[in-house]
Amino acid sequence: MNVTELRDYCLSLPMVTEDFPFNESILAFKILGKIFAVIDLDNIDWLVMKCDPDYAVELREAHPEITTAWHWNKKYWNQVRMREALTDELIISLLRHSYSEVVKKFTGKIRAGSTINVNGRAVNC
């Protein structure tokens, strides 16, 4: 998966925006202002995504291309090497998972505003 495909996929998810919150090369994808994925455009080999803590450990043990994310909370954030053996399908699955992890943390008041489709099911957002 190249950076253009990654960007297009992220922006296809409901209510996702993109911006550069840290500097002009760190592109962040957000749902209602909360980051779920980050890529450094100066080093597109690495993608950072939020993850359930138990699933994060499983992924790191199963895939050497997935490690704890540098400068992020190691419990919740994985760093994925984009140019390794991981399939596009797995990367897309991890992006959907990251998106879902962020959505499920929203308060009831925020989620009451609208409903979105995540992984084939309706999620209040």
C-alpha atoms as a PDB file:
ATOM      1  CA  MET A   1       0.000   0.000   0.000  1.00  0.00           C
ATOM      2  CA  ASN A   2       1.436   3.358  -0.952  1.00  0.00           C
ATOM      3  CA  VAL A   3       0.847   6.651   0.847  1.00  0.00           C
ATOM      4  CA  THR A   4      -1.766   7.825  -1.662  1.00  0.00           C
ATOM      5  CA  GLU A   5      -3.801   4.643  -1.249  1.00  0.00           C
ATOM      6  CA  LEU A   6      -3.444   4.916   2.525  1.00  0.00           C
ATOM      7  CA  ARG A   7      -4.643   8.530   2.486  1.00  0.00           C
ATOM      8  CA  ASP A   8      -7.553   7.745   0.170  1.00  0.00           C
ATOM      9  CA  TYR A   9      -8.659   4.855   2.366  1.00  0.00           C
ATOM     10  CA  CYS A  10      -8.481   6.874   5.588  1.00  0.00           C
ATOM     11  CA  LEU A  11     -10.422   9.754   4.072  1.00  0.00           C
ATOM     12  CA  SER A  12     -13.089   7.329   2.829  1.00  0.00           C
ATOM     13  CA  LEU A  13     -14.013   6.482   6.420  1.00  0.00           C
ATOM     14  CA  PRO A  14     -16.957   8.438   7.849  1.00  0.00           C
ATOM     15  CA  MET A  15     -16.218  11.867   9.308  1.00  0.00           C
ATOM     16  CA  VAL A  16     -12.418  11.586   8.897  1.00  0.00           C
ATOM     17  CA  THR A  17     -10.299  14.680   8.444  1.00  0.00           C
ATOM     18  CA  GLU A  18      -6.585  15.127   7.965  1.00  0.00           C
ATOM     19  CA  ASP A  19      -4.158  17.758   9.178  1.00  0.00           C
ATOM     20  CA  PHE A  20      -0.573  18.418  10.187  1.00  0.00           C
ATOM     21  CA  PRO A  21      -0.765  18.924  13.978  1.00  0.00           C
ATOM     22  CA  PHE A  22       2.938  18.514  14.754  1.00  0.00           C
ATOM     23  CA  ASN A  23       4.847  19.852  11.736  1.00  0.00           C
ATOM     24  CA  GLU A  24       4.561  20.072   7.968  1.00  0.00           C
ATOM     25  CA  SER A  25       5.491  16.430   7.363  1.00  0.00           C
ATOM     26  CA  ILE A  26       3.492  14.542  10.028  1.00  0.00           C
ATOM     27  CA  LEU A  27       0.085  13.791   8.494  1.00  0.00           C
ATOM     28  CA  ALA A  28      -2.593  12.787  11.004  1.00  0.00           C
ATOM     29  CA  PHE A  29      -5.982  11.270  10.265  1.00  0.00           C
ATOM     30  CA  LYS A  30      -8.679  12.121  12.787  1.00  0.00           C
ATOM     31  CA  ILE A  31     -12.258  11.249  13.635  1.00  0.00           C
ATOM     32  CA  LEU A  32     -13.989  14.165  15.349  1.00  0.00           C
ATOM     33  CA  GLY A  33     -10.620  15.686  16.181  1.00  0.00           C
ATOM     34  CA  LYS A  34      -9.091  12.508  17.674  1.00  0.00           C
ATOM     35  CA  ILE A  35      -6.103  10.926  15.927  1.00  0.00           C
ATOM     36  CA  PHE A  36      -6.374   7.306  14.788  1.00  0.00           C
ATOM     37  CA  ALA A  37      -3.460   7.128  12.318  1.00  0.00           C
ATOM     38  CA  VAL A  38      -0.283   9.097  11.600  1.00  0.00           C
ATOM     39  CA  ILE A  39       2.312   8.927   8.852  1.00  0.00           C
ATOM     40  CA  ASP A  40       5.474  10.968   8.417  1.00  0.00           C
ATOM     41  CA  LEU A  41       5.568  12.081   4.791  1.00  0.00           C
ATOM     42  CA  ASP A  42       9.354  12.436   5.053  1.00  0.00           C
ATOM     43  CA  ASN A  43       9.606   8.763   6.105  1.00  0.00           C
ATOM     44  CA  ILE A  44       6.641   6.928   4.621  1.00  0.00           C
ATOM     45  CA  ASP A  45       7.960   3.543   5.702  1.00  0.00           C
ATOM     46  CA  TRP A  46       6.174   3.802   9.060  1.00  0.00           C
ATOM     47  CA  LEU A  47       2.493   4.166   9.928  1.00  0.00           C
ATOM     48  CA  VAL A  48       1.347   4.699  13.531  1.00  0.00           C
ATOM     49  CA  MET A  49      -2.105   3.451  14.602  1.00  0.00           C
ATOM     50  CA  LYS A  50      -4.068   3.086  17.818  1.00  0.00           C
ATOM     51  CA  CYS A  51      -4.763  -0.463  18.990  1.00  0.00           C
ATOM     52  CA  ASP A  52      -6.478  -2.411  21.748  1.00  0.00           C
ATOM     53  CA  PRO A  53      -3.688  -3.239  24.250  1.00  0.00           C
ATOM     54  CA  ASP A  54      -4.153  -7.021  24.148  1.00  0.00           C
ATOM     55  CA  TYR A  55      -4.430  -7.083  20.368  1.00  0.00           C
ATOM     56  CA  ALA A  56      -1.343  -4.837  20.140  1.00  0.00           C
ATOM     57  CA  VAL A  57       0.729  -7.432  21.995  1.00  0.00           C
ATOM     58  CA  GLU A  58      -0.597 -10.229  19.753  1.00  0.00           C
ATOM     59  CA  LEU A  59       0.258  -8.262  16.619  1.00  0.00           C
ATOM     60  CA  ARG A  60       3.767  -7.432  17.833  1.00  0.00           C
ATOM     61  CA  GLU A  61       4.434 -11.085  18.646  1.00  0.00           C
ATOM     62  CA  ALA A  62       3.082 -12.328  15.309  1.00  0.00           C
ATOM     63  CA  HIS A  63       4.597  -9.705  12.997  1.00  0.00           C
ATOM     64  CA  PRO A  64       8.142  -8.338  13.294  1.00  0.00           C
ATOM     65  CA  GLU A  65       6.969  -5.417  11.108  1.00  0.00           C
ATOM     66  CA  ILE A  66       4.729  -4.213  13.960  1.00  0.00           C
ATOM     67  CA  THR A  67       6.400  -2.616  16.981  1.00  0.00           C
ATOM     68  CA  THR A  68       5.579  -0.167  19.732  1.00  0.00           C
ATOM     69  CA  ALA A  69       5.249   3.352  18.377  1.00  0.00           C
ATOM     70  CA  TRP A  70       8.086   5.694  19.157  1.00  0.00           C
ATOM     71  CA  HIS A  71       6.927   8.865  21.004  1.00  0.00           C
ATOM     72  CA  TRP A  72       3.434   7.397  21.564  1.00  0.00           C
ATOM     73  CA  ASN A  73       1.904   5.490  24.458  1.00  0.00           C
ATOM     74  CA  LYS A  74       3.413   2.026  23.961  1.00  0.00           C
ATOM     75  CA  LYS A  75       0.346   0.337  25.435  1.00  0.00           C
ATOM     76  CA  TYR A  76      -2.084   1.685  22.829  1.00  0.00           C
ATOM     77  CA  TRP A  77      -0.085   2.644  19.740  1.00  0.00           C
ATOM     78  CA  ASN A  78       1.633   0.429  17.173  1.00  0.00           C
ATOM     79  CA  GLN A  79       4.119   1.380  14.513  1.00  0.00           C
ATOM     80  CA  VAL A  80       3.761  -0.619  11.286  1.00  0.00           C
ATOM     81  CA  ARG A  81       6.501  -0.909   8.671  1.00  0.00           C
ATOM     82  CA  MET A  82       4.662  -0.269   5.421  1.00  0.00           C
ATOM     83  CA  ARG A  83       7.187  -1.768   2.999  1.00  0.00           C
ATOM     84  CA  GLU A  84       7.504  -5.196   4.541  1.00  0.00           C
ATOM     85  CA  ALA A  85       5.555  -8.433   4.247  1.00  0.00           C
ATOM     86  CA  LEU A  86       2.224  -7.157   5.576  1.00  0.00           C
ATOM     87  CA  THR A  87      -0.613  -7.340   3.086  1.00  0.00           C
ATOM     88  CA  ASP A  88      -2.721  -4.340   2.133  1.00  0.00           C
ATOM     89  CA  GLU A  89      -5.710  -6.206   3.565  1.00  0.00           C
ATOM     90  CA  LEU A  90      -4.036  -6.460   6.978  1.00  0.00           C
ATOM     91  CA  ILE A  91      -3.061  -2.779   6.942  1.00  0.00           C
ATOM     92  CA  ILE A  92      -6.643  -1.812   6.044  1.00  0.00           C
ATOM     93  CA  SER A  93      -7.932  -4.071   8.812  1.00  0.00           C
ATOM     94  CA  LEU A  94      -5.580  -2.382  11.291  1.00  0.00           C
ATOM     95  CA  LEU A  95      -6.721   1.061  10.127  1.00  0.00           C
ATOM     96  CA  ARG A  96     -10.371   0.054  10.652  1.00  0.00           C
ATOM     97  CA  HIS A  97      -9.483  -1.313  14.074  1.00  0.00           C
ATOM     98  CA  SER A  98      -7.680   1.914  14.996  1.00  0.00           C
ATOM     99  CA  TYR A  99     -10.649   3.979  13.824  1.00  0.00           C
ATOM    100  CA  SER A 100     -13.006   1.805  15.889  1.00  0.00           C
ATOM    101  CA  GLU A 101     -10.795   2.104  18.971  1.00  0.00           C
ATOM    102  CA  VAL A 102     -11.041   5.889  18.813  1.00  0.00           C
ATOM    103  CA  VAL A 103     -14.801   5.912  18.137  1.00  0.00           C
ATOM    104  CA  LYS A 104     -15.588   3.641  21.067  1.00  0.00           C
ATOM    105  CA  LYS A 105     -13.860   6.066  23.464  1.00  0.00           C
ATOM    106  CA  PHE A 106     -16.191   8.957  22.620  1.00  0.00           C
ATOM    107  CA  THR A 107     -18.635   9.973  25.330  1.00  0.00           C
ATOM    108  CA  GLY A 108     -22.307   9.192  24.971  1.00  0.00           C
ATOM    109  CA  LYS A 109     -23.022  12.866  24.408  1.00  0.00           C
ATOM    110  CA  ILE A 110     -20.694  13.003  21.406  1.00  0.00           C
ATOM    111  CA  ARG A 111     -21.863   9.651  20.035  1.00  0.00           C
ATOM    112  CA  ALA A 112     -25.503  10.701  20.326  1.00  0.00           C
ATOM    113  CA  GLY A 113     -24.938  13.228  17.543  1.00  0.00           C
ATOM    114  CA  SER A 114     -24.826  10.747  14.659  1.00  0.00           C
ATOM    115  CA  THR A 115     -24.369   7.151  13.587  1.00  0.00           C
ATOM    116  CA  ILE A 116     -21.582   5.885  11.351  1.00  0.00           C
ATOM    117  CA  ASN A 117     -20.775   2.517   9.805  1.00  0.00           C
ATOM    118  CA  VAL A 118     -17.667   0.785  11.159  1.00  0.00           C
ATOM    119  CA  ASN A 119     -16.732  -2.725  10.048  1.00  0.00           C
ATOM    120  CA  GLY A 120     -20.214  -3.307   8.659  1.00  0.00           C
ATOM    121  CA  ARG A 121     -22.106  -2.297  11.774  1.00  0.00           C
ATOM    122  CA  ALA A 122     -23.671   0.947  12.940  1.00  0.00           C
ATOM    123  CA  VAL A 123     -21.700   2.801  15.597  1.00  0.00           C
ATOM    124  CA  ASN A 124     -22.996   5.859  17.381  1.00  0.00           C
ATOM    125  CA  CYS A 125     -20.607   8.710  17.029  1.00  0.00           C
END
